[in-house]
Structures are given as structure tokens and as C-alpha cells.
N, C-alpha and C. Protein backbone atom coordinates (compact mmCIF):
# COMPACT_ATOMS: atom_id res chain seq x y z
N MET A 1 -66.74 45.59 -38.80
CA MET A 1 -67.19 45.88 -38.74
C MET A 1 -67.22 47.03 -37.51
N LYS A 2 -68.22 47.99 -38.14
CA LYS A 2 -68.55 49.53 -37.64
C LYS A 2 -69.35 49.73 -35.95
N VAL A 3 -69.35 49.97 -35.60
CA VAL A 3 -70.21 49.47 -34.00
C VAL A 3 -70.69 51.09 -34.51
N VAL A 4 -71.79 51.11 -33.30
CA VAL A 4 -72.84 52.02 -33.11
C VAL A 4 -72.66 52.84 -32.46
N ASP A 5 -72.35 54.60 -32.64
CA ASP A 5 -72.41 54.96 -31.53
C ASP A 5 -73.39 55.29 -30.48
N PHE A 6 -72.76 55.97 -29.24
CA PHE A 6 -74.38 56.17 -27.99
C PHE A 6 -73.08 56.88 -27.18
N GLU A 7 -73.83 57.47 -25.66
CA GLU A 7 -74.40 58.56 -25.10
C GLU A 7 -74.22 57.90 -24.13
N LEU A 8 -73.73 57.96 -22.63
CA LEU A 8 -73.67 57.37 -21.99
C LEU A 8 -72.78 58.44 -20.56
N SER A 9 -74.12 58.01 -18.85
CA SER A 9 -73.23 58.78 -18.17
C SER A 9 -71.95 58.66 -17.24
N ASP A 10 -71.18 58.69 -17.01
CA ASP A 10 -70.22 57.99 -16.06
C ASP A 10 -70.21 58.13 -13.99
N ALA A 11 -69.54 58.08 -13.94
CA ALA A 11 -69.76 57.95 -12.36
C ALA A 11 -69.77 59.58 -11.74
N TYR A 12 -69.45 60.29 -12.29
CA TYR A 12 -69.73 61.38 -11.70
C TYR A 12 -70.42 62.57 -13.17
N GLY A 13 -71.68 61.94 -13.58
CA GLY A 13 -72.62 63.11 -14.97
C GLY A 13 -71.80 63.23 -15.77
N LYS A 14 -70.82 62.97 -16.23
CA LYS A 14 -70.69 63.44 -17.46
C LYS A 14 -70.63 62.01 -18.63
N THR A 15 -71.05 63.35 -19.49
CA THR A 15 -71.24 62.43 -20.54
C THR A 15 -70.36 61.78 -21.38
N HIS A 16 -70.67 60.58 -21.88
CA HIS A 16 -69.44 60.39 -22.66
C HIS A 16 -70.07 59.53 -24.27
N LYS A 17 -69.40 60.08 -24.80
CA LYS A 17 -70.19 59.59 -26.68
C LYS A 17 -68.79 58.62 -26.76
N LEU A 18 -69.03 57.47 -27.92
CA LEU A 18 -67.99 56.61 -28.09
C LEU A 18 -66.79 57.65 -29.44
N SER A 19 -67.79 57.91 -30.18
CA SER A 19 -67.31 58.86 -30.91
C SER A 19 -66.10 59.74 -30.27
N ASP A 20 -66.05 60.23 -29.03
CA ASP A 20 -65.33 60.24 -28.63
C ASP A 20 -63.84 60.51 -28.87
N TYR A 21 -63.41 59.35 -28.73
CA TYR A 21 -62.49 58.13 -28.89
C TYR A 21 -61.73 57.74 -29.90
N LYS A 22 -62.31 58.61 -30.57
CA LYS A 22 -62.47 58.06 -32.90
C LYS A 22 -60.46 58.44 -31.97
N GLY A 23 -59.83 56.96 -32.83
CA GLY A 23 -57.97 57.52 -33.49
C GLY A 23 -57.91 56.91 -32.39
N LYS A 24 -58.60 56.68 -31.50
CA LYS A 24 -57.87 55.38 -30.47
C LYS A 24 -58.69 54.11 -30.44
N TRP A 25 -57.88 53.04 -30.23
CA TRP A 25 -57.77 51.68 -29.47
C TRP A 25 -59.31 52.10 -28.18
N VAL A 26 -59.88 51.45 -28.10
CA VAL A 26 -61.32 51.07 -27.22
C VAL A 26 -61.70 50.25 -26.39
N VAL A 27 -61.17 49.64 -25.20
CA VAL A 27 -61.77 48.56 -24.27
C VAL A 27 -63.00 48.90 -24.20
N LEU A 28 -64.43 47.88 -24.47
CA LEU A 28 -65.90 48.64 -23.96
C LEU A 28 -65.89 47.40 -23.53
N TYR A 29 -65.59 47.29 -21.92
CA TYR A 29 -66.26 45.92 -21.68
C TYR A 29 -67.28 46.68 -20.21
N PHE A 30 -68.46 45.37 -21.00
CA PHE A 30 -69.74 44.88 -20.27
C PHE A 30 -69.56 44.12 -18.55
N TYR A 31 -70.42 44.53 -17.63
CA TYR A 31 -69.72 44.05 -16.50
C TYR A 31 -71.25 43.64 -15.32
N PRO A 32 -71.49 43.29 -15.09
CA PRO A 32 -72.64 42.83 -14.30
C PRO A 32 -73.39 43.72 -13.41
N LYS A 33 -72.24 44.00 -12.65
CA LYS A 33 -72.52 44.67 -11.17
C LYS A 33 -71.71 45.00 -10.26
N ASP A 34 -71.51 46.53 -9.93
CA ASP A 34 -70.51 47.05 -8.92
C ASP A 34 -70.45 46.45 -7.61
N ASP A 35 -69.42 46.35 -7.24
CA ASP A 35 -68.68 46.04 -6.26
C ASP A 35 -69.30 44.79 -5.43
N THR A 36 -69.04 43.46 -6.60
CA THR A 36 -69.01 42.29 -6.62
C THR A 36 -67.49 41.91 -6.79
N PRO A 37 -67.81 40.40 -6.50
CA PRO A 37 -66.31 40.22 -6.58
C PRO A 37 -65.23 40.23 -8.06
N GLY A 38 -65.60 39.23 -9.01
CA GLY A 38 -65.57 39.49 -10.16
C GLY A 38 -65.93 40.41 -10.99
N CYS A 39 -66.27 41.90 -11.07
CA CYS A 39 -66.47 42.89 -11.24
C CYS A 39 -65.87 43.97 -10.58
N THR A 40 -65.14 43.77 -9.41
CA THR A 40 -64.16 44.57 -8.56
C THR A 40 -62.53 43.72 -8.65
N THR A 41 -62.95 42.67 -8.79
CA THR A 41 -61.18 42.15 -9.67
C THR A 41 -60.96 43.26 -11.54
N GLU A 42 -61.55 42.64 -12.09
CA GLU A 42 -61.90 43.25 -13.35
C GLU A 42 -61.31 45.14 -13.02
N ALA A 43 -62.29 45.77 -12.75
CA ALA A 43 -62.17 46.70 -12.01
C ALA A 43 -60.76 47.33 -12.47
N CYS A 44 -60.40 46.85 -11.19
CA CYS A 44 -59.40 47.19 -10.26
C CYS A 44 -57.64 46.29 -11.42
N SER A 45 -58.01 45.14 -12.43
CA SER A 45 -57.00 45.23 -13.47
C SER A 45 -56.67 45.81 -14.15
N PHE A 46 -58.16 46.56 -14.83
CA PHE A 46 -57.72 47.56 -15.65
C PHE A 46 -57.37 48.44 -14.89
N ARG A 47 -57.53 49.10 -13.82
CA ARG A 47 -57.04 50.42 -12.55
C ARG A 47 -56.05 50.22 -12.54
N ASP A 48 -55.46 48.84 -12.35
CA ASP A 48 -53.44 48.52 -12.53
C ASP A 48 -53.03 48.81 -13.71
N ASN A 49 -53.68 48.46 -14.74
CA ASN A 49 -53.04 48.34 -15.86
C ASN A 49 -53.15 49.58 -16.57
N LEU A 50 -53.72 51.10 -16.33
CA LEU A 50 -54.06 51.80 -17.19
C LEU A 50 -52.99 52.51 -17.78
N GLY A 51 -51.53 52.40 -16.86
CA GLY A 51 -50.75 53.91 -17.30
C GLY A 51 -50.11 52.53 -18.80
N GLU A 52 -50.52 51.33 -18.79
CA GLU A 52 -49.92 50.96 -20.15
C GLU A 52 -50.36 50.67 -21.02
N LEU A 53 -51.39 50.70 -20.84
CA LEU A 53 -52.93 50.57 -22.17
C LEU A 53 -53.18 52.10 -22.35
N LYS A 54 -52.93 53.18 -21.55
CA LYS A 54 -52.62 54.37 -21.83
C LYS A 54 -51.39 54.95 -22.79
N ASP A 55 -50.61 54.18 -22.32
CA ASP A 55 -48.77 54.60 -23.59
C ASP A 55 -49.34 54.43 -25.21
N MET A 56 -50.11 53.21 -25.03
CA MET A 56 -50.51 52.60 -25.83
C MET A 56 -51.65 53.18 -26.75
N GLY A 57 -52.01 53.91 -26.37
CA GLY A 57 -53.47 54.92 -27.24
C GLY A 57 -54.40 54.46 -26.95
N VAL A 58 -54.93 53.69 -25.79
CA VAL A 58 -55.78 52.72 -25.19
C VAL A 58 -56.88 54.04 -24.37
N ALA A 59 -58.23 53.66 -24.83
CA ALA A 59 -59.27 54.40 -24.01
C ALA A 59 -59.78 53.26 -23.27
N VAL A 60 -60.08 53.21 -22.08
CA VAL A 60 -60.58 52.16 -21.10
C VAL A 60 -62.48 52.59 -21.26
N LEU A 61 -63.42 51.64 -20.68
CA LEU A 61 -64.97 52.48 -20.54
C LEU A 61 -65.27 50.49 -20.62
N GLY A 62 -66.18 51.35 -18.99
CA GLY A 62 -66.56 50.01 -18.30
C GLY A 62 -68.18 50.43 -18.35
N VAL A 63 -68.99 49.42 -18.81
CA VAL A 63 -70.52 49.81 -18.95
C VAL A 63 -71.16 48.82 -18.30
N SER A 64 -72.07 48.71 -17.43
CA SER A 64 -72.92 48.25 -16.38
C SER A 64 -74.52 49.10 -16.53
N LYS A 65 -75.58 47.93 -16.48
CA LYS A 65 -77.12 48.83 -15.74
C LYS A 65 -77.14 49.08 -14.32
N ASP A 66 -75.83 49.47 -13.84
CA ASP A 66 -76.05 50.20 -12.73
C ASP A 66 -76.29 51.96 -12.16
N SER A 67 -76.96 52.79 -11.29
CA SER A 67 -76.87 53.76 -11.38
C SER A 67 -76.04 54.66 -11.29
N VAL A 68 -75.81 56.09 -11.51
CA VAL A 68 -73.96 56.86 -11.77
C VAL A 68 -74.01 56.90 -10.28
N LYS A 69 -74.84 56.47 -9.70
CA LYS A 69 -74.29 57.22 -7.65
C LYS A 69 -73.71 55.71 -7.51
N SER A 70 -74.34 54.05 -7.86
CA SER A 70 -73.48 53.53 -7.56
C SER A 70 -72.31 53.46 -8.22
N HIS A 71 -71.68 54.14 -9.30
CA HIS A 71 -71.07 54.13 -9.66
C HIS A 71 -70.01 54.99 -9.46
N GLN A 72 -70.67 55.64 -8.56
CA GLN A 72 -69.93 57.09 -8.34
C GLN A 72 -69.13 56.32 -6.50
N LYS A 73 -69.60 55.49 -5.76
CA LYS A 73 -69.37 54.90 -4.97
C LYS A 73 -68.01 53.91 -4.84
N PHE A 74 -68.55 52.88 -5.93
CA PHE A 74 -67.80 51.72 -6.69
C PHE A 74 -66.26 52.48 -7.04
N SER A 75 -66.44 53.48 -7.96
CA SER A 75 -64.97 54.30 -8.72
C SER A 75 -64.57 55.00 -7.09
N GLU A 76 -64.86 55.32 -6.13
CA GLU A 76 -64.42 56.31 -5.07
C GLU A 76 -63.10 54.85 -4.51
N LYS A 77 -64.39 53.97 -4.14
CA LYS A 77 -64.14 52.34 -3.14
C LYS A 77 -62.44 52.19 -4.40
N TYR A 78 -62.10 51.51 -4.66
CA TYR A 78 -61.76 51.44 -5.38
C TYR A 78 -60.84 52.31 -6.29
N SER A 79 -60.71 53.13 -6.29
CA SER A 79 -60.10 54.71 -6.65
C SER A 79 -59.65 54.42 -8.11
N LEU A 80 -61.05 53.65 -9.00
CA LEU A 80 -61.18 53.35 -10.59
C LEU A 80 -60.46 54.95 -11.10
N ASN A 81 -59.95 55.01 -12.28
CA ASN A 81 -59.00 55.34 -13.09
C ASN A 81 -59.28 55.66 -14.48
N PHE A 82 -60.71 55.07 -15.04
CA PHE A 82 -60.72 55.11 -15.99
C PHE A 82 -62.61 55.38 -15.65
N PRO A 83 -63.51 56.37 -17.19
CA PRO A 83 -65.32 56.21 -16.96
C PRO A 83 -65.36 54.58 -16.96
N ILE A 84 -66.57 54.49 -15.66
CA ILE A 84 -66.79 53.86 -15.88
C ILE A 84 -68.73 53.76 -16.22
N LEU A 85 -69.31 53.67 -16.93
CA LEU A 85 -71.01 54.39 -17.48
C LEU A 85 -72.31 53.74 -17.36
N SER A 86 -72.92 53.99 -16.59
CA SER A 86 -74.24 54.10 -15.95
C SER A 86 -75.78 53.57 -17.54
N ASP A 87 -75.89 52.49 -17.81
CA ASP A 87 -77.31 52.09 -18.97
C ASP A 87 -78.35 51.29 -17.99
N GLU A 88 -78.48 52.36 -17.15
CA GLU A 88 -79.82 51.68 -16.79
C GLU A 88 -81.02 51.04 -17.48
N SER A 89 -81.35 51.98 -18.74
CA SER A 89 -81.90 51.55 -20.03
C SER A 89 -82.17 50.08 -20.40
N LEU A 90 -80.56 49.38 -20.64
CA LEU A 90 -79.80 48.15 -20.85
C LEU A 90 -79.73 48.52 -22.39
N GLU A 91 -79.99 50.36 -23.40
CA GLU A 91 -80.03 50.46 -24.50
C GLU A 91 -78.25 49.78 -25.62
N VAL A 92 -78.23 50.55 -24.30
CA VAL A 92 -76.24 49.76 -25.51
C VAL A 92 -75.83 48.69 -24.70
N ILE A 93 -76.11 48.55 -23.30
CA ILE A 93 -76.14 47.11 -23.09
C ILE A 93 -76.06 45.99 -24.23
N LYS A 94 -77.54 45.92 -25.03
CA LYS A 94 -78.20 44.98 -25.91
C LYS A 94 -77.83 45.43 -27.08
N ALA A 95 -77.36 46.64 -27.34
CA ALA A 95 -77.07 46.89 -28.93
C ALA A 95 -75.27 46.06 -28.98
N PHE A 96 -74.54 45.35 -27.89
CA PHE A 96 -73.71 45.07 -28.18
C PHE A 96 -73.96 43.56 -27.76
N ASP A 97 -74.74 43.14 -27.39
CA ASP A 97 -75.20 42.23 -27.33
C ASP A 97 -74.79 41.26 -25.79
N ALA A 98 -74.60 41.86 -25.35
CA ALA A 98 -74.03 41.89 -23.72
C ALA A 98 -75.39 41.78 -22.42
N TYR A 99 -76.56 41.24 -22.73
CA TYR A 99 -77.40 41.28 -22.27
C TYR A 99 -78.12 39.80 -22.41
N GLY A 100 -78.54 39.01 -21.48
CA GLY A 100 -78.92 37.78 -21.60
C GLY A 100 -79.20 36.40 -20.95
N GLU A 101 -79.12 35.21 -21.16
CA GLU A 101 -79.63 34.18 -20.10
C GLU A 101 -78.42 33.82 -19.61
N LYS A 102 -78.95 34.27 -18.33
CA LYS A 102 -77.43 33.72 -17.04
C LYS A 102 -77.93 32.39 -16.46
N LYS A 103 -77.06 31.74 -15.63
CA LYS A 103 -77.10 30.69 -14.39
C LYS A 103 -76.72 30.84 -13.93
N PHE A 104 -76.83 31.21 -12.50
CA PHE A 104 -76.39 31.26 -11.09
C PHE A 104 -76.80 30.37 -9.84
N MET A 105 -76.38 29.50 -9.01
CA MET A 105 -76.25 28.29 -8.27
C MET A 105 -77.57 27.95 -8.83
N GLY A 106 -78.08 27.07 -9.96
CA GLY A 106 -78.67 26.25 -10.75
C GLY A 106 -80.23 27.07 -10.92
N LYS A 107 -80.33 28.75 -10.99
CA LYS A 107 -81.26 29.02 -11.24
C LYS A 107 -80.90 30.08 -12.67
N THR A 108 -81.91 29.88 -13.57
CA THR A 108 -81.81 30.90 -15.34
C THR A 108 -82.64 32.25 -15.19
N PHE A 109 -81.54 33.06 -15.29
CA PHE A 109 -82.41 34.56 -15.09
C PHE A 109 -81.11 35.61 -16.76
N MET A 110 -82.47 36.26 -16.70
CA MET A 110 -81.70 37.70 -17.69
C MET A 110 -80.72 38.53 -16.69
N GLY A 111 -79.52 38.71 -16.87
CA GLY A 111 -78.67 39.86 -16.56
C GLY A 111 -77.81 40.50 -17.60
N VAL A 112 -76.86 40.69 -17.30
CA VAL A 112 -75.58 42.11 -17.94
C VAL A 112 -74.47 40.87 -17.95
N MET A 113 -73.80 40.08 -19.10
CA MET A 113 -73.25 39.69 -19.55
C MET A 113 -71.59 40.11 -18.82
N ARG A 114 -70.85 39.22 -18.71
CA ARG A 114 -69.46 39.69 -18.70
C ARG A 114 -69.02 39.38 -19.94
N LYS A 115 -68.56 41.13 -20.73
CA LYS A 115 -68.02 40.84 -22.21
C LYS A 115 -67.45 41.99 -22.69
N THR A 116 -66.77 41.59 -23.62
CA THR A 116 -65.77 43.43 -23.50
C THR A 116 -65.42 42.76 -25.43
N ILE A 117 -65.64 44.75 -26.27
CA ILE A 117 -65.73 44.88 -27.12
C ILE A 117 -64.38 45.51 -27.65
N LEU A 118 -63.55 44.93 -28.09
CA LEU A 118 -61.87 46.16 -28.55
C LEU A 118 -62.31 46.46 -29.51
N ILE A 119 -62.33 47.95 -29.83
CA ILE A 119 -62.63 48.82 -31.13
C ILE A 119 -60.89 49.20 -31.47
N ASN A 120 -61.14 49.55 -32.87
CA ASN A 120 -59.68 49.74 -33.20
C ASN A 120 -59.68 51.32 -33.86
N LYS A 121 -58.43 51.74 -34.20
CA LYS A 121 -58.91 53.05 -34.21
C LYS A 121 -59.99 53.90 -35.08
N LYS A 122 -60.27 52.86 -36.26
CA LYS A 122 -61.17 52.94 -36.86
C LYS A 122 -62.35 53.26 -36.53
N GLY A 123 -62.38 52.72 -35.65
CA GLY A 123 -63.63 52.60 -35.28
C GLY A 123 -64.35 51.22 -35.61
N GLU A 124 -64.26 50.24 -35.65
CA GLU A 124 -64.45 48.53 -35.93
C GLU A 124 -63.97 48.03 -35.15
N ILE A 125 -64.68 47.26 -34.25
CA ILE A 125 -64.75 46.07 -34.16
C ILE A 125 -63.07 45.16 -34.46
N ALA A 126 -62.25 45.08 -33.48
CA ALA A 126 -61.38 44.08 -34.13
C ALA A 126 -61.16 42.57 -32.90
N LYS A 127 -61.87 42.53 -31.97
CA LYS A 127 -62.18 41.56 -31.27
C LYS A 127 -63.19 41.85 -30.36
N VAL A 128 -64.25 40.45 -30.07
CA VAL A 128 -64.48 40.35 -29.13
C VAL A 128 -64.64 38.98 -28.15
N TYR A 129 -64.50 39.37 -26.86
CA TYR A 129 -64.32 38.83 -25.09
C TYR A 129 -65.56 38.44 -25.14
N GLU A 130 -65.74 36.87 -25.33
CA GLU A 130 -67.38 35.89 -24.60
C GLU A 130 -67.10 35.95 -23.45
N LYS A 131 -65.61 35.26 -22.82
CA LYS A 131 -65.67 34.46 -21.69
C LYS A 131 -64.02 35.29 -21.37
N VAL A 132 -64.31 35.91 -19.78
CA VAL A 132 -63.23 36.94 -19.64
C VAL A 132 -62.94 36.09 -18.49
N SER A 133 -61.56 36.37 -18.20
CA SER A 133 -61.45 35.70 -16.88
C SER A 133 -60.76 37.21 -16.26
N PRO A 134 -61.47 37.46 -15.72
CA PRO A 134 -61.25 39.09 -14.30
C PRO A 134 -59.91 40.11 -14.46
N LYS A 135 -59.16 38.85 -13.25
CA LYS A 135 -57.94 38.89 -13.42
C LYS A 135 -56.76 39.74 -14.66
N GLU A 136 -56.99 38.42 -15.43
CA GLU A 136 -56.01 38.62 -16.45
C GLU A 136 -56.65 39.34 -17.80
N HIS A 137 -57.61 39.61 -17.49
CA HIS A 137 -57.97 40.49 -18.67
C HIS A 137 -57.92 41.39 -19.52
N ALA A 138 -57.15 42.60 -19.12
CA ALA A 138 -56.11 43.00 -19.41
C ALA A 138 -54.73 43.58 -19.61
N LYS A 139 -54.50 42.22 -18.79
CA LYS A 139 -52.57 41.97 -19.38
C LYS A 139 -53.25 41.16 -21.12
N GLU A 140 -54.49 40.45 -21.15
CA GLU A 140 -54.82 39.60 -22.15
C GLU A 140 -55.04 40.74 -23.83
N ILE A 141 -56.14 41.69 -23.04
CA ILE A 141 -56.25 42.93 -24.23
C ILE A 141 -54.88 43.64 -24.72
N ILE A 142 -54.08 43.82 -23.45
CA ILE A 142 -52.33 44.06 -23.91
C ILE A 142 -51.49 43.70 -24.59
N LYS A 143 -51.63 42.68 -24.87
CA LYS A 143 -51.34 41.43 -25.89
C LYS A 143 -51.48 41.94 -27.07
N ASP A 144 -52.66 41.45 -26.94
CA ASP A 144 -53.71 41.05 -28.15
C ASP A 144 -53.73 43.17 -29.61
N ILE A 145 -53.57 43.66 -28.48
CA ILE A 145 -53.58 44.84 -29.39
C ILE A 145 -52.43 45.17 -29.98
N ARG A 146 -51.44 44.33 -29.47
CA ARG A 146 -49.85 44.22 -29.67
C ARG A 146 -49.86 43.77 -30.97
N GLU A 147 -50.42 42.39 -31.13
CA GLU A 147 -50.24 41.87 -32.41
C GLU A 147 -50.92 42.51 -33.11
N LEU A 148 -52.01 42.95 -33.25
CA LEU A 148 -53.18 43.66 -34.08
C LEU A 148 -52.38 44.55 -34.69
N GLU A 149 -51.86 45.25 -34.24
CA GLU A 149 -51.22 46.56 -34.26
C GLU A 149 -50.32 46.38 -35.58
């Protein structure tokens, strides 16, 4: 299944298009909120495994509805070494079906879900991760890409 191209700004206002990464594997991961425990664990796991991912020709893009300013603080606080993109309109998040009903402490609400789309070098969805373990996710993706290549 082909993915829809999009254009979003990163923590420093630089625009990224999905089509800029054609010919590479792309880890497009959606997360609920900057600087929260699970989201920080997941971002730091990608940061710590980025060398291995880059060696495999993989680009990592994080996406949440937080502002560019929030992303900049988050990125600098944890020395993130990959782009995190701001989608305040939720347009891209909804296009990849990463927005929906969530439950927390007995309350139900709508929000951004933790979800990852693995896109192959042809720009097709290779795998969708609906349930993500923030700490193990980067290693899981490395293993999956090795198996898919």
C-alpha cells in the first residue's frame, strides 16, 4: 500500500516531506505528547539506536500534535538526533489513522495514539505497529527490517 506524501515542520522550523526520504526505509512514529514518560523513553530509544538504523539506510521521523516550540525544548532536553515533526492540525496523524479513542485512569477521550508505520524503500507500508513497547521498539524495528530485506 502506497503512502500519502505530506509536509511538516520539525523542531527548528525546517520542512520535511515524506517524499524527501524516497529510496530509504522510513520509521514514521506517532506519539501522544512531548516530555511524558513513555514518549521520552521511545524517543531516547530511537536516539540511542540511530547509528545502527542509519547504517541500515533508515530515516526516523517522530510526529505529534505538539508545537514546533514544544518539540524544540523536547529535542534539546534529550539531545534527539532525528527530526520530530509538528502536526498541530492533526491532518497527517489522522491520515495515518493514529488518532482515536483512548482510555486513561477510567476516562475515555480522543487523542494521538502511539503507533508506528514502517515504510519501505519503494514508499510502501511494510508494517504497521499498533501496540508499541517504547523501550524495545527501536530494536524491534531493526530486527524487522533485517527480516524484510
